[in-house]
Amino acid sequence: MATISGKNGKVLIGGTPLAEITDWTFHATSLNHAYASSSTGGYRRRVAGVKDGGGSIGFKLDPAAPITDDFDEGSAVTLLLYLDATRYYSVPALIDAIQLAVDISSGDVLGGTATFSANGPWTKPNYGS
């Protein structure tokens, strides 16, 4: 079984890689409506509804190229979320929030998380053979 390492993952906006990305997540969902009727024998059935998605981007803050130069909360962007060197999700998105983290106690490198919501249809990577 072949697997993919996350070490080559990255995030691009408009063809430009975001600096110091540590991780990203994307979750695709479907609003599935439950119902019961005289035909369901006392069980619920579901019908697929509209699709939605969202996720987060973890980063370390690089003062020479801060991620906040690439977007702000409320920005409309198209995120290219790379799994490896060639496979990626293309997600039109709105940036929901940017959270910065400063750990005074440990002195860890400054970082944070940006969360986003899908803003229309996205494309999945082609895994090919």
C-alpha atoms as a PDB file:
ATOM      1  CA  MET A   1       0.000   0.000   0.000  1.00  0.00           C
ATOM      2  CA  ALA A   2       1.422   3.392  -1.004  1.00  0.00           C
ATOM      3  CA  THR A   3       0.922   6.302   1.354  1.00  0.00           C
ATOM      4  CA  ILE A   4       1.601  10.018   1.110  1.00  0.00           C
ATOM      5  CA  SER A   5       3.810  11.912   3.546  1.00  0.00           C
ATOM      6  CA  GLY A   6       2.621  15.360   4.607  1.00  0.00           C
ATOM      7  CA  LYS A   7       6.163  16.741   4.440  1.00  0.00           C
ATOM      8  CA  ASN A   8       5.554  18.202   0.969  1.00  0.00           C
ATOM      9  CA  GLY A   9       2.243  19.819   1.846  1.00  0.00           C
ATOM     10  CA  LYS A  10       1.822  23.547   1.311  1.00  0.00           C
ATOM     11  CA  VAL A  11      -0.791  26.254   0.768  1.00  0.00           C
ATOM     12  CA  LEU A  12      -0.872  28.671  -2.165  1.00  0.00           C
ATOM     13  CA  ILE A  13      -3.025  31.715  -2.852  1.00  0.00           C
ATOM     14  CA  GLY A  14      -3.012  33.003  -6.414  1.00  0.00           C
ATOM     15  CA  GLY A  15       0.012  30.874  -7.245  1.00  0.00           C
ATOM     16  CA  THR A  16       2.012  32.303  -4.317  1.00  0.00           C
ATOM     17  CA  PRO A  17       3.028  29.941  -1.490  1.00  0.00           C
ATOM     18  CA  LEU A  18       2.167  31.135   2.006  1.00  0.00           C
ATOM     19  CA  ALA A  19       5.242  31.385   4.241  1.00  0.00           C
ATOM     20  CA  GLU A  20       5.905  29.132   7.237  1.00  0.00           C
ATOM     21  CA  ILE A  21       2.842  26.857   7.006  1.00  0.00           C
ATOM     22  CA  THR A  22       2.997  24.060   9.593  1.00  0.00           C
ATOM     23  CA  ASP A  23      -0.240  22.225   8.790  1.00  0.00           C
ATOM     24  CA  TRP A  24      -3.645  22.541   7.175  1.00  0.00           C
ATOM     25  CA  THR A  25      -7.008  20.829   7.448  1.00  0.00           C
ATOM     26  CA  PHE A  26     -10.018  20.716   5.136  1.00  0.00           C
ATOM     27  CA  HIS A  27     -13.304  19.059   5.977  1.00  0.00           C
ATOM     28  CA  ALA A  28     -15.990  18.605   3.336  1.00  0.00           C
ATOM     29  CA  THR A  29     -19.522  18.122   4.613  1.00  0.00           C
ATOM     30  CA  SER A  30     -23.026  17.517   3.325  1.00  0.00           C
ATOM     31  CA  LEU A  31     -26.101  18.779   5.164  1.00  0.00           C
ATOM     32  CA  ASN A  32     -28.019  15.500   5.181  1.00  0.00           C
ATOM     33  CA  HIS A  33     -31.685  15.793   6.094  1.00  0.00           C
ATOM     34  CA  ALA A  34     -33.226  13.048   8.227  1.00  0.00           C
ATOM     35  CA  TYR A  35     -36.851  12.024   7.889  1.00  0.00           C
ATOM     36  CA  ALA A  36     -39.197   9.273   8.951  1.00  0.00           C
ATOM     37  CA  SER A  37     -42.386   8.273   7.204  1.00  0.00           C
ATOM     38  CA  SER A  38     -44.918   5.511   6.982  1.00  0.00           C
ATOM     39  CA  SER A  39     -42.483   3.734   4.647  1.00  0.00           C
ATOM     40  CA  THR A  40     -39.363   3.797   6.842  1.00  0.00           C
ATOM     41  CA  GLY A  41     -40.420   1.106   9.335  1.00  0.00           C
ATOM     42  CA  GLY A  42     -39.660   3.148  12.445  1.00  0.00           C
ATOM     43  CA  TYR A  43     -36.192   4.140  11.240  1.00  0.00           C
ATOM     44  CA  ARG A  44     -34.869   7.432   9.941  1.00  0.00           C
ATOM     45  CA  ARG A  45     -33.628   7.763   6.397  1.00  0.00           C
ATOM     46  CA  ARG A  46     -31.493  10.530   5.042  1.00  0.00           C
ATOM     47  CA  VAL A  47     -31.289  12.480   1.831  1.00  0.00           C
ATOM     48  CA  ALA A  48     -28.150  14.367   0.814  1.00  0.00           C
ATOM     49  CA  GLY A  49     -28.450  18.132   0.953  1.00  0.00           C
ATOM     50  CA  VAL A  50     -26.112  20.989   0.114  1.00  0.00           C
ATOM     51  CA  LYS A  51     -22.357  20.596   0.435  1.00  0.00           C
ATOM     52  CA  ASP A  52     -20.204  22.777   2.645  1.00  0.00           C
ATOM     53  CA  GLY A  53     -16.622  22.808   3.790  1.00  0.00           C
ATOM     54  CA  GLY A  54     -14.042  24.579   5.866  1.00  0.00           C
ATOM     55  CA  GLY A  55     -10.773  24.147   7.624  1.00  0.00           C
ATOM     56  CA  SER A  56      -7.716  25.739   9.123  1.00  0.00           C
ATOM     57  CA  ILE A  57      -4.159  26.713   8.282  1.00  0.00           C
ATOM     58  CA  GLY A  58      -1.474  26.517  10.981  1.00  0.00           C
ATOM     59  CA  PHE A  59       1.525  28.794  10.618  1.00  0.00           C
ATOM     60  CA  LYS A  60       4.582  30.287  12.262  1.00  0.00           C
ATOM     61  CA  LEU A  61       4.843  34.068  12.038  1.00  0.00           C
ATOM     62  CA  ASP A  62       7.621  35.224   9.715  1.00  0.00           C
ATOM     63  CA  PRO A  63       8.103  38.998  10.180  1.00  0.00           C
ATOM     64  CA  ALA A  64       9.759  39.190   6.744  1.00  0.00           C
ATOM     65  CA  ALA A  65       6.671  37.678   5.059  1.00  0.00           C
ATOM     66  CA  PRO A  66       3.782  37.637   7.552  1.00  0.00           C
ATOM     67  CA  ILE A  67       0.783  35.560   6.551  1.00  0.00           C
ATOM     68  CA  THR A  68      -1.407  38.555   7.345  1.00  0.00           C
ATOM     69  CA  ASP A  69       0.067  40.257   4.248  1.00  0.00           C
ATOM     70  CA  ASP A  70      -1.682  37.575   2.151  1.00  0.00           C
ATOM     71  CA  PHE A  71      -5.164  37.844   3.683  1.00  0.00           C
ATOM     72  CA  ASP A  72      -7.217  39.217   6.563  1.00  0.00           C
ATOM     73  CA  GLU A  73     -10.370  38.003   8.264  1.00  0.00           C
ATOM     74  CA  GLY A  74     -13.202  38.419   5.747  1.00  0.00           C
ATOM     75  CA  SER A  75     -10.898  38.095   2.709  1.00  0.00           C
ATOM     76  CA  ALA A  76     -12.126  36.104  -0.287  1.00  0.00           C
ATOM     77  CA  VAL A  77      -9.331  33.853  -1.586  1.00  0.00           C
ATOM     78  CA  THR A  78      -8.809  30.668  -3.560  1.00  0.00           C
ATOM     79  CA  LEU A  79      -6.710  28.275  -1.512  1.00  0.00           C
ATOM     80  CA  LEU A  80      -4.638  25.573  -3.169  1.00  0.00           C
ATOM     81  CA  LEU A  81      -4.162  22.987  -0.421  1.00  0.00           C
ATOM     82  CA  TYR A  82      -1.336  20.707  -1.520  1.00  0.00           C
ATOM     83  CA  LEU A  83      -1.138  17.118  -0.281  1.00  0.00           C
ATOM     84  CA  ASP A  84       2.204  16.610  -2.018  1.00  0.00           C
ATOM     85  CA  ALA A  85       4.130  18.140  -4.923  1.00  0.00           C
ATOM     86  CA  THR A  86       1.335  17.647  -7.489  1.00  0.00           C
ATOM     87  CA  ARG A  87      -1.988  16.838  -5.811  1.00  0.00           C
ATOM     88  CA  TYR A  88      -4.119  19.554  -4.248  1.00  0.00           C
ATOM     89  CA  TYR A  89      -7.605  20.773  -3.386  1.00  0.00           C
ATOM     90  CA  SER A  90      -8.646  24.085  -4.948  1.00  0.00           C
ATOM     91  CA  VAL A  91     -11.021  25.798  -2.514  1.00  0.00           C
ATOM     92  CA  PRO A  92     -12.668  29.192  -2.995  1.00  0.00           C
ATOM     93  CA  ALA A  93     -12.894  30.421   0.582  1.00  0.00           C
ATOM     94  CA  LEU A  94     -13.597  33.244   2.989  1.00  0.00           C
ATOM     95  CA  ILE A  95     -11.155  33.719   5.852  1.00  0.00           C
ATOM     96  CA  ASP A  96     -13.220  33.511   9.044  1.00  0.00           C
ATOM     97  CA  ALA A  97     -10.617  34.318  11.682  1.00  0.00           C
ATOM     98  CA  ILE A  98      -6.909  34.653  12.362  1.00  0.00           C
ATOM     99  CA  GLN A  99      -5.687  33.647  15.796  1.00  0.00           C
ATOM    100  CA  LEU A 100      -2.145  34.464  16.925  1.00  0.00           C
ATOM    101  CA  ALA A 101      -0.390  32.608  19.747  1.00  0.00           C
ATOM    102  CA  VAL A 102       2.392  34.037  21.900  1.00  0.00           C
ATOM    103  CA  ASP A 103       3.847  31.669  24.511  1.00  0.00           C
ATOM    104  CA  ILE A 104       5.776  33.828  26.946  1.00  0.00           C
ATOM    105  CA  SER A 105       6.543  30.941  29.286  1.00  0.00           C
ATOM    106  CA  SER A 106       8.321  28.702  26.762  1.00  0.00           C
ATOM    107  CA  GLY A 107       9.415  31.356  24.286  1.00  0.00           C
ATOM    108  CA  ASP A 108       8.122  29.206  21.432  1.00  0.00           C
ATOM    109  CA  VAL A 109       8.190  30.654  17.913  1.00  0.00           C
ATOM    110  CA  LEU A 110       5.184  32.916  17.357  1.00  0.00           C
ATOM    111  CA  GLY A 111       2.469  31.249  15.354  1.00  0.00           C
ATOM    112  CA  GLY A 112      -1.215  30.933  14.882  1.00  0.00           C
ATOM    113  CA  THR A 113      -4.151  29.547  12.986  1.00  0.00           C
ATOM    114  CA  ALA A 114      -6.341  30.931  10.225  1.00  0.00           C
ATOM    115  CA  THR A 115      -9.779  29.363   9.811  1.00  0.00           C
ATOM    116  CA  PHE A 116     -11.762  29.444   6.576  1.00  0.00           C
ATOM    117  CA  SER A 117     -15.136  28.497   5.129  1.00  0.00           C
ATOM    118  CA  ALA A 118     -15.683  27.235   1.585  1.00  0.00           C
ATOM    119  CA  ASN A 119     -17.269  29.826  -0.689  1.00  0.00           C
ATOM    120  CA  GLY A 120     -18.551  27.720  -3.581  1.00  0.00           C
ATOM    121  CA  PRO A 121     -17.561  24.418  -5.208  1.00  0.00           C
ATOM    122  CA  TRP A 122     -14.073  23.039  -4.670  1.00  0.00           C
ATOM    123  CA  THR A 123     -12.092  20.553  -6.695  1.00  0.00           C
ATOM    124  CA  LYS A 124     -10.491  17.407  -5.322  1.00  0.00           C
ATOM    125  CA  PRO A 125      -7.061  16.111  -6.275  1.00  0.00           C
ATOM    126  CA  ASN A 126      -6.734  13.454  -8.954  1.00  0.00           C
ATOM    127  CA  TYR A 127      -4.967  10.534  -7.323  1.00  0.00           C
ATOM    128  CA  GLY A 128      -4.419   8.790 -10.643  1.00  0.00           C
ATOM    129  CA  SER A 129      -2.595   5.490 -10.733  1.00  0.00           C
END
